Amino acid sequence: MKIAMVAEHANPLPAHRGEPACPASLHACAVSRQLAKRGHKVTVYSRRSDPDQPDGRTRMSRGVSVVYLDAGPARPLGDDEETEHTGAFGTALAAALDEDTPDVLHSVGWTSGLAALHAQAHCDRDQSGTPIVQTFHSLNASEQRSGLAHQPERARMETILASRADHVLVNSTDQQGELARLGVPRHHVSVVPFGVDTDHFSVEGSASSEPWQTRREERPRLVSVTSLSGPGGADRLVEAMTRLPEAELLIVSTTEDRDVALDENARALELLAKEAGVDDRVHLTGPVERKELPRLLRSADVYVSAAAYDPYGGAVVEAMACGLPVVATATGAVPGAVLHRTSGVLMRFGRPDEVARAVRAVLNTPTMSSAYGIAAADRARSRFTWQRIAVETEIAYQRSLPQTPENEEPDEDEVDGVLLSTAAH
């Protein structure tokens, strides 16, 4: 099958090189590579965000190519700019699809969905028969319920895209429920969660204690990989440390700026830690190279998150794969990953006192902590491997195609057999 993966703002190459990358870029990279291993040919179309990005087709791995399309300035765009050049991106995409017609269009993100619809309507060749599979990593309706900003135009577009797509993929049952409330039938939507490379993120391997050039003290360590802005919940973790005098906390920033000294949110957190008297036990670091991240996670005793909304749950699943018990807010994709009181503890609000109570309960019961870690690693390996995510994505492609004998949707027994076989590997 020829797959055109439309990822307007998710360049997969940094993730392929092991550099810090946003979750959407990591998803595009990992899924495309696994689909190629299953015999498909994948072309990822991304907006040119750097003048040094190559023209033409760039080979990422066997069976996967990346094509950069010119649409707007060749630089990273701010959140308020991302939709300004989607029309131009869609026009450029139409020309590319005329030259290389796919069997399936897979849009990653809502602006990519708009671009795919635009391209389909403006191709010189008739592309009306090419099905569109739409992935939503987050929905504004879900974000609103978590107290984040209402974006009425985006919310309206997401509803239209979900209705127009031949099949929809979301990260969690939470998002599937939101689409159902918006009138999208549940059978039209598949829950395909964010994945993890369990060969890279695993219990086996060494632990790193000095990624931020601070020697670990002889005390329990908490770790969180999160945004340093308000919704990331880092401020609540810092405040929780006043109730956990026996522990230390390492916060790994997900911002693209590697120098936390220049980050306003980082400076605000450092000031908060100093005022709270915990600055000697709270450490901030910029994004960590992915080859180093498993070693850093394995150096901790508990993974903790107080995020107001986590649509991906990627960092949580990576910590689980490294055998860490998890304490996290039950929001977004997290409840689908963490089994409450089996692989960790889910919190309702993630308030500082709630964080402290949950963490203390885990730390003070070594047997329970060990059991949580074992269950977390087992769940990551059995449910969240990128191989399995690719199989479930492939099944969604089959469901989007006209049901002819050669591409009939697999029955439930066949699907379960494929998934079990993939998980075993």
Protein backbone atom coordinates (compact mmCIF):
# COMPACT_ATOMS: atom_id res chain seq x y z
CA MET A 1 0.00 0.00 0.00
CA LYS A 2 1.24 3.51 -0.84
CA ILE A 3 0.63 5.82 2.11
CA ALA A 4 0.87 9.60 2.04
CA MET A 5 1.32 10.74 5.64
CA VAL A 6 0.51 14.44 5.87
CA ALA A 7 2.33 15.95 8.85
CA GLU A 8 2.37 19.69 8.19
CA HIS A 9 4.05 20.66 11.47
CA ALA A 10 5.63 17.35 12.46
CA ASN A 11 8.99 16.81 10.78
CA PRO A 12 9.98 13.16 11.48
CA LEU A 13 13.71 13.46 10.73
CA PRO A 14 14.87 14.91 14.10
CA ALA A 15 13.16 12.02 15.89
CA HIS A 16 14.74 9.59 13.42
CA ARG A 17 18.17 11.02 14.30
CA GLY A 18 17.48 10.64 18.03
CA GLU A 19 17.23 14.36 18.69
CA PRO A 20 14.65 15.88 21.07
CA ALA A 21 11.38 16.10 19.12
CA CYS A 22 7.75 16.92 19.76
CA PRO A 23 5.40 13.94 20.26
CA ALA A 24 3.70 14.44 16.88
CA SER A 25 7.08 14.24 15.10
CA LEU A 26 8.01 11.14 17.07
CA HIS A 27 4.66 9.56 16.15
CA ALA A 28 5.12 10.29 12.43
CA CYS A 29 8.64 8.88 12.53
CA ALA A 30 7.90 5.70 14.49
CA VAL A 31 4.64 4.75 12.77
CA SER A 32 5.98 5.35 9.26
CA ARG A 33 9.04 3.19 9.93
CA GLN A 34 6.96 0.35 11.37
CA LEU A 35 4.49 0.53 8.48
CA ALA A 36 7.40 0.27 6.06
CA LYS A 37 8.64 -2.83 7.89
CA ARG A 38 5.19 -4.30 7.24
CA GLY A 39 5.72 -3.87 3.51
CA HIS A 40 4.11 -0.50 2.85
CA LYS A 41 5.65 2.48 1.07
CA VAL A 42 5.30 5.68 3.11
CA THR A 43 5.91 9.28 2.08
CA VAL A 44 5.74 11.87 4.86
CA TYR A 45 4.85 15.39 3.67
CA SER A 46 5.97 18.16 6.03
CA ARG A 47 6.19 21.95 5.75
CA ARG A 48 9.68 23.32 5.10
CA SER A 49 10.70 25.00 8.37
CA ASP A 50 14.41 25.43 7.65
CA PRO A 51 16.03 26.71 4.43
CA ASP A 52 18.65 23.96 4.71
CA GLN A 53 16.08 21.19 4.49
CA PRO A 54 16.61 19.35 1.18
CA ASP A 55 14.52 19.69 -1.95
CA GLY A 56 12.90 16.66 -3.47
CA ARG A 57 12.53 13.31 -1.80
CA THR A 58 14.70 12.44 1.22
CA ARG A 59 15.08 8.80 2.23
CA MET A 60 14.54 8.42 5.98
CA SER A 61 14.71 4.64 6.16
CA ARG A 62 13.90 1.69 3.96
CA GLY A 63 10.41 2.27 2.55
CA VAL A 64 10.03 5.76 4.09
CA SER A 65 10.68 9.10 2.37
CA VAL A 66 10.22 12.67 3.56
CA VAL A 67 9.18 15.50 1.24
CA TYR A 68 9.35 19.12 2.40
CA LEU A 69 6.78 21.43 0.83
CA ASP A 70 7.22 25.19 0.59
CA ALA A 71 4.44 27.05 2.39
CA GLY A 72 5.22 30.28 4.15
CA PRO A 73 8.55 31.23 5.73
CA ALA A 74 11.24 28.56 6.04
CA ARG A 75 11.38 28.78 9.84
CA PRO A 76 9.50 27.26 12.78
CA LEU A 77 6.08 28.88 13.24
CA GLY A 78 4.50 30.01 16.47
CA ASP A 79 1.21 28.48 17.58
CA ASP A 80 -0.65 31.57 16.37
CA GLU A 81 0.91 31.28 12.89
CA GLU A 82 0.39 27.61 12.12
CA THR A 83 -2.90 27.97 10.26
CA GLU A 84 -1.81 30.96 8.18
CA HIS A 85 0.00 28.86 5.58
CA THR A 86 -2.11 25.70 5.59
CA GLY A 87 -3.81 26.69 2.32
CA ALA A 88 -0.45 27.11 0.60
CA PHE A 89 0.70 23.81 2.06
CA GLY A 90 -2.44 22.12 0.75
CA THR A 91 -1.84 23.53 -2.75
CA ALA A 92 1.75 22.27 -2.72
CA LEU A 93 0.50 18.92 -1.46
CA ALA A 94 -1.98 18.69 -4.35
CA ALA A 95 0.86 19.07 -6.86
CA ALA A 96 2.88 16.39 -5.05
CA LEU A 97 -0.05 13.96 -5.02
CA ASP A 98 -0.60 14.49 -8.75
CA GLU A 99 2.93 13.18 -9.28
CA ASP A 100 2.65 10.31 -6.79
CA THR A 101 -0.93 9.21 -6.12
CA PRO A 102 -1.29 7.27 -2.85
CA ASP A 103 -3.74 4.56 -1.82
CA VAL A 104 -4.42 6.31 1.51
CA LEU A 105 -4.01 9.84 2.83
CA HIS A 106 -3.18 9.86 6.55
CA SER A 107 -3.39 13.31 8.16
CA VAL A 108 -1.60 13.82 11.47
CA GLY A 109 -3.15 16.81 13.25
CA TRP A 110 -6.07 19.03 12.41
CA THR A 111 -4.19 21.50 10.17
CA SER A 112 -2.85 18.53 8.20
CA GLY A 113 -6.44 17.36 7.81
CA LEU A 114 -7.43 20.71 6.35
CA ALA A 115 -4.46 20.53 3.97
CA ALA A 116 -5.43 17.00 2.88
CA LEU A 117 -9.01 18.04 2.09
CA HIS A 118 -7.72 21.10 0.21
CA ALA A 119 -5.27 18.96 -1.77
CA GLN A 120 -7.88 16.35 -2.61
CA ALA A 121 -10.16 19.07 -4.02
CA HIS A 122 -7.39 20.78 -6.04
CA CYS A 123 -5.53 17.83 -7.57
CA ASP A 124 -5.50 17.71 -11.36
CA ARG A 125 -6.05 13.97 -11.15
CA ASP A 126 -9.28 12.78 -9.56
CA GLN A 127 -8.38 11.95 -5.96
CA SER A 128 -11.95 11.68 -4.71
CA GLY A 129 -11.56 7.92 -4.33
CA THR A 130 -8.49 8.21 -2.11
CA PRO A 131 -9.63 7.65 1.49
CA ILE A 132 -8.52 10.03 4.24
CA VAL A 133 -7.61 8.72 7.70
CA GLN A 134 -7.47 11.51 10.26
CA THR A 135 -5.39 11.35 13.44
CA PHE A 136 -6.21 13.72 16.29
CA HIS A 137 -3.58 13.71 19.00
CA SER A 138 -5.63 16.26 20.90
CA LEU A 139 -9.04 17.84 20.61
CA ASN A 140 -9.93 21.34 21.67
CA ALA A 141 -13.14 20.00 23.20
CA SER A 142 -11.04 17.79 25.52
CA GLU A 143 -8.69 20.66 26.30
CA GLN A 144 -11.61 22.87 27.27
CA ARG A 145 -12.87 20.26 29.73
CA SER A 146 -9.43 20.34 31.34
CA GLY A 147 -9.55 24.10 31.73
CA LEU A 148 -7.39 25.06 28.75
CA ALA A 149 -8.21 27.72 26.19
CA HIS A 150 -11.28 27.51 23.99
CA GLN A 151 -10.43 27.82 20.29
CA PRO A 152 -13.84 27.96 18.58
CA GLU A 153 -12.55 27.88 15.00
CA ARG A 154 -10.30 24.91 15.67
CA ALA A 155 -13.09 23.07 17.53
CA ARG A 156 -15.43 23.61 14.58
CA MET A 157 -12.81 22.41 12.08
CA GLU A 158 -12.09 19.29 14.12
CA THR A 159 -15.77 18.36 14.05
CA ILE A 160 -15.92 18.86 10.27
CA LEU A 161 -12.72 16.86 9.70
CA ALA A 162 -13.93 13.98 11.85
CA SER A 163 -17.17 13.85 9.85
CA ARG A 164 -15.47 14.13 6.46
CA ALA A 165 -12.67 11.60 7.08
CA ASP A 166 -13.16 7.97 6.09
CA HIS A 167 -11.82 6.90 9.47
CA VAL A 168 -10.56 8.70 12.57
CA LEU A 169 -7.78 7.78 14.98
CA VAL A 170 -7.51 9.24 18.49
CA ASN A 171 -5.14 8.60 21.40
CA SER A 172 -7.69 7.84 24.09
CA THR A 173 -11.26 6.85 24.89
CA ASP A 174 -11.61 10.36 26.33
CA GLN A 175 -11.22 11.79 22.83
CA GLN A 176 -13.45 9.12 21.33
CA GLY A 177 -16.15 10.19 23.80
CA GLU A 178 -15.73 13.84 22.86
CA LEU A 179 -16.22 13.02 19.18
CA ALA A 180 -19.29 10.94 20.03
CA ARG A 181 -20.76 13.96 21.85
CA LEU A 182 -20.10 15.96 18.68
CA GLY A 183 -22.13 13.46 16.63
CA VAL A 184 -19.33 11.30 15.21
CA PRO A 185 -20.31 7.60 15.41
CA ARG A 186 -18.09 5.50 17.68
CA HIS A 187 -17.58 2.85 14.97
CA HIS A 188 -16.07 5.61 12.80
CA VAL A 189 -13.33 6.22 15.41
CA SER A 190 -10.53 3.91 16.55
CA VAL A 191 -8.48 4.43 19.70
CA VAL A 192 -4.81 3.95 18.78
CA PRO A 193 -2.59 5.19 21.61
CA PHE A 194 0.84 6.75 21.51
CA GLY A 195 3.59 4.16 21.46
CA VAL A 196 7.03 3.41 22.89
CA ASP A 197 10.21 1.82 21.56
CA THR A 198 10.58 -1.00 24.09
CA ASP A 199 13.98 -1.98 22.69
CA HIS A 200 15.26 1.47 23.69
CA PHE A 201 13.12 2.18 26.75
CA SER A 202 13.47 -0.90 28.92
CA VAL A 203 14.23 -2.08 32.42
CA GLU A 204 17.57 -3.47 31.30
CA GLY A 205 20.54 -1.12 31.05
CA SER A 206 22.54 1.36 33.06
CA ALA A 207 21.24 4.36 34.97
CA SER A 208 22.55 7.89 34.55
CA SER A 209 22.81 10.18 37.57
CA GLU A 210 24.55 13.19 36.08
CA PRO A 211 22.70 14.38 32.94
CA TRP A 212 22.40 17.88 34.40
CA GLN A 213 25.86 17.87 36.08
CA THR A 214 24.47 17.47 39.58
CA ARG A 215 25.47 14.45 41.60
CA ARG A 216 22.55 12.48 42.94
CA GLU A 217 22.03 12.67 46.69
CA GLU A 218 21.25 9.58 48.75
CA ARG A 219 17.50 10.14 48.70
CA PRO A 220 14.55 8.89 46.61
CA ARG A 221 14.35 10.54 43.22
CA LEU A 222 11.23 11.66 41.39
CA VAL A 223 11.41 12.47 37.70
CA SER A 224 9.02 14.25 35.34
CA VAL A 225 9.35 14.97 31.62
CA THR A 226 7.00 17.86 30.98
CA SER A 227 6.40 21.35 29.71
CA LEU A 228 7.55 24.04 32.12
CA SER A 229 4.47 26.14 31.41
CA GLY A 230 1.37 26.13 33.65
CA PRO A 231 -0.55 23.23 32.02
CA GLY A 232 2.50 20.98 32.40
CA GLY A 233 2.02 21.00 36.17
CA ALA A 234 5.70 21.56 36.99
CA ASP A 235 4.82 24.32 39.49
CA ARG A 236 2.57 21.91 41.39
CA LEU A 237 5.38 19.36 41.55
CA VAL A 238 7.73 21.97 43.00
CA GLU A 239 5.15 22.90 45.63
CA ALA A 240 4.62 19.22 46.44
CA MET A 241 8.31 18.94 47.34
CA THR A 242 7.68 21.03 50.48
CA ARG A 243 5.65 18.03 51.72
CA LEU A 244 8.28 15.48 50.62
CA PRO A 245 11.44 16.51 52.50
CA GLU A 246 12.97 13.08 52.02
CA ALA A 247 12.93 13.20 48.17
CA GLU A 248 14.50 15.08 45.28
CA LEU A 249 12.87 16.02 41.97
CA LEU A 250 14.30 16.21 38.47
CA ILE A 251 12.18 18.04 35.87
CA VAL A 252 13.16 17.48 32.24
CA SER A 253 11.80 20.23 30.01
CA THR A 254 10.12 19.40 26.72
CA THR A 255 10.63 22.90 25.33
CA GLU A 256 12.60 23.16 22.08
CA ASP A 257 14.98 25.64 23.74
CA ARG A 258 17.77 23.50 25.20
CA ASP A 259 19.08 26.30 27.42
CA VAL A 260 16.75 26.41 30.41
CA ALA A 261 18.65 29.43 31.71
CA LEU A 262 16.99 31.47 28.94
CA ASP A 263 13.51 30.04 29.54
CA GLU A 264 11.16 32.38 31.40
CA ASN A 265 9.11 29.46 32.76
CA ALA A 266 12.30 27.81 34.04
CA ARG A 267 13.34 30.99 35.84
CA ALA A 268 9.88 31.25 37.41
CA LEU A 269 10.11 27.64 38.64
CA GLU A 270 13.58 28.20 40.06
CA LEU A 271 12.28 31.24 41.94
CA LEU A 272 9.30 29.24 43.20
CA ALA A 273 11.64 26.47 44.43
CA LYS A 274 13.87 29.00 46.18
CA GLU A 275 10.96 30.73 47.89
CA ALA A 276 9.62 27.33 49.00
CA GLY A 277 13.03 26.34 50.36
CA VAL A 278 13.39 23.28 48.12
CA ASP A 279 15.82 24.63 45.53
CA ASP A 280 18.55 22.24 46.78
CA ARG A 281 16.28 19.27 45.95
CA VAL A 282 14.69 20.44 42.68
CA HIS A 283 16.73 20.28 39.49
CA LEU A 284 15.70 21.53 36.03
CA THR A 285 17.26 20.43 32.78
CA GLY A 286 16.56 21.13 29.12
CA PRO A 287 15.49 18.48 26.60
CA VAL A 288 17.53 15.28 26.81
CA GLU A 289 18.79 13.34 23.78
CA ARG A 290 16.61 10.28 23.34
CA LYS A 291 19.57 7.93 23.64
CA GLU A 292 20.18 9.32 27.15
CA LEU A 293 16.55 9.49 28.31
CA PRO A 294 16.14 5.79 29.30
CA ARG A 295 19.26 5.95 31.46
CA LEU A 296 17.93 9.05 33.16
CA LEU A 297 14.53 7.46 33.79
CA ARG A 298 16.11 4.31 35.21
CA SER A 299 17.98 6.47 37.74
CA ALA A 300 14.66 7.49 39.37
CA ASP A 301 12.38 5.74 41.82
CA VAL A 302 9.02 7.19 40.72
CA TYR A 303 7.75 8.98 37.63
CA VAL A 304 5.40 11.83 38.54
CA SER A 305 3.12 14.09 36.49
CA ALA A 306 0.68 16.77 37.57
CA ALA A 307 -0.21 17.90 34.04
CA ALA A 308 -3.62 19.51 33.63
CA TYR A 309 -3.99 17.70 30.30
CA ASP A 310 -1.77 15.09 28.65
CA PRO A 311 -3.19 14.08 25.26
CA TYR A 312 -0.26 11.80 24.33
CA GLY A 313 0.85 10.10 27.52
CA GLY A 314 4.13 9.38 25.73
CA ALA A 315 6.49 10.29 28.59
CA VAL A 316 4.38 8.25 31.01
CA VAL A 317 4.55 5.16 28.77
CA GLU A 318 8.31 5.56 28.29
CA ALA A 319 8.77 5.70 32.07
CA MET A 320 6.58 2.60 32.46
CA ALA A 321 8.71 0.75 29.91
CA CYS A 322 11.74 1.53 32.10
CA GLY A 323 10.02 -0.10 35.08
CA LEU A 324 9.02 3.03 36.98
CA PRO A 325 5.85 3.19 39.07
CA VAL A 326 3.82 6.19 37.95
CA VAL A 327 1.97 8.84 39.93
CA ALA A 328 0.00 10.99 37.46
CA THR A 329 -3.13 13.05 36.94
CA ALA A 330 -5.92 11.02 35.37
CA THR A 331 -6.26 13.16 32.27
CA GLY A 332 -6.05 12.71 28.49
CA ALA A 333 -4.32 9.49 27.47
CA VAL A 334 -2.89 8.74 30.92
CA PRO A 335 -5.83 6.66 32.31
CA GLY A 336 -5.52 4.38 29.28
CA ALA A 337 -1.86 3.78 30.07
CA VAL A 338 -1.68 3.61 33.86
CA LEU A 339 -3.80 1.01 35.62
CA HIS A 340 -4.75 2.58 38.95
CA ARG A 341 -3.18 0.72 41.88
CA THR A 342 -1.72 -1.85 39.51
CA SER A 343 1.03 0.02 37.63
CA GLY A 344 0.79 3.29 39.54
CA VAL A 345 -1.51 5.79 41.16
CA LEU A 346 -3.90 8.06 39.29
CA MET A 347 -4.80 11.41 40.86
CA ARG A 348 -8.00 13.31 40.24
CA PHE A 349 -6.60 16.84 40.25
CA GLY A 350 -2.81 16.67 40.70
CA ARG A 351 -2.78 19.27 43.47
CA PRO A 352 0.45 19.53 45.51
CA ASP A 353 -0.99 17.83 48.60
CA GLU A 354 -2.48 15.08 46.42
CA VAL A 355 0.87 14.55 44.67
CA ALA A 356 2.69 14.34 47.99
CA ARG A 357 0.25 11.80 49.46
CA ALA A 358 0.40 9.55 46.41
CA VAL A 359 4.19 9.69 46.11
CA ARG A 360 4.68 9.04 49.82
CA ALA A 361 2.35 6.02 49.66
CA VAL A 362 4.48 4.54 46.88
CA LEU A 363 7.86 5.36 48.42
CA ASN A 364 6.89 4.13 51.88
CA THR A 365 5.77 0.73 50.58
CA PRO A 366 8.74 -0.80 48.71
CA THR A 367 6.87 -4.00 47.92
CA MET A 368 4.02 -2.09 46.30
CA SER A 369 6.45 0.19 44.46
CA SER A 370 8.30 -2.80 43.05
CA ALA A 371 5.05 -4.48 42.00
CA TYR A 372 3.86 -1.30 40.27
CA GLY A 373 7.14 -1.06 38.36
CA ILE A 374 6.96 -4.67 37.18
CA ALA A 375 3.34 -4.25 36.07
CA ALA A 376 4.16 -0.95 34.33
CA ALA A 377 6.96 -2.48 32.26
CA ASP A 378 4.79 -5.48 31.37
CA ARG A 379 1.93 -3.24 30.25
CA ALA A 380 4.21 -1.07 28.13
CA ARG A 381 5.60 -4.13 26.35
CA SER A 382 2.21 -5.77 25.79
CA ARG A 383 0.10 -2.77 24.76
CA PHE A 384 2.20 0.17 23.61
CA THR A 385 4.95 -1.03 21.29
CA TRP A 386 5.22 0.94 18.05
CA GLN A 387 4.91 -2.38 16.19
CA ARG A 388 1.44 -2.87 17.64
CA ILE A 389 0.51 0.77 17.03
CA ALA A 390 1.46 0.32 13.36
CA VAL A 391 -0.71 -2.81 13.10
CA GLU A 392 -3.70 -0.95 14.53
CA THR A 393 -3.04 1.96 12.16
CA GLU A 394 -2.91 -0.46 9.22
CA ILE A 395 -6.26 -1.92 10.29
CA ALA A 396 -7.72 1.60 10.24
CA TYR A 397 -6.42 2.03 6.69
CA GLN A 398 -8.18 -1.18 5.67
CA ARG A 399 -11.41 0.05 7.23
CA SER A 400 -11.18 3.27 5.21
CA LEU A 401 -10.83 1.49 1.86
CA PRO A 402 -13.79 0.34 -0.27
CA GLN A 403 -14.59 -3.19 0.87
CA THR A 404 -13.49 -5.30 -2.08
CA PRO A 405 -12.46 -8.96 -1.58
CA GLU A 406 -8.72 -8.12 -1.67
CA ASN A 407 -8.94 -5.49 1.07
CA GLU A 408 -11.80 -6.68 3.23
CA GLU A 409 -11.65 -5.53 6.80
CA PRO A 410 -10.05 -8.28 8.92
CA ASP A 411 -12.39 -10.11 11.28
CA GLU A 412 -11.92 -9.85 15.04
CA ASP A 413 -10.11 -13.18 15.38
CA GLU A 414 -7.64 -12.23 12.67
CA VAL A 415 -7.03 -8.82 14.25
CA ASP A 416 -6.46 -10.33 17.68
CA GLY A 417 -4.06 -12.87 16.20
CA VAL A 418 -2.00 -10.22 14.47
CA LEU A 419 -1.87 -8.05 17.59
CA LEU A 420 -0.87 -10.94 19.86
CA SER A 421 1.81 -12.04 17.40
CA THR A 422 3.17 -8.49 17.20
CA ALA A 423 3.15 -7.99 20.97
CA ALA A 424 5.11 -11.21 21.42
CA HIS A 425 7.95 -9.73 19.42
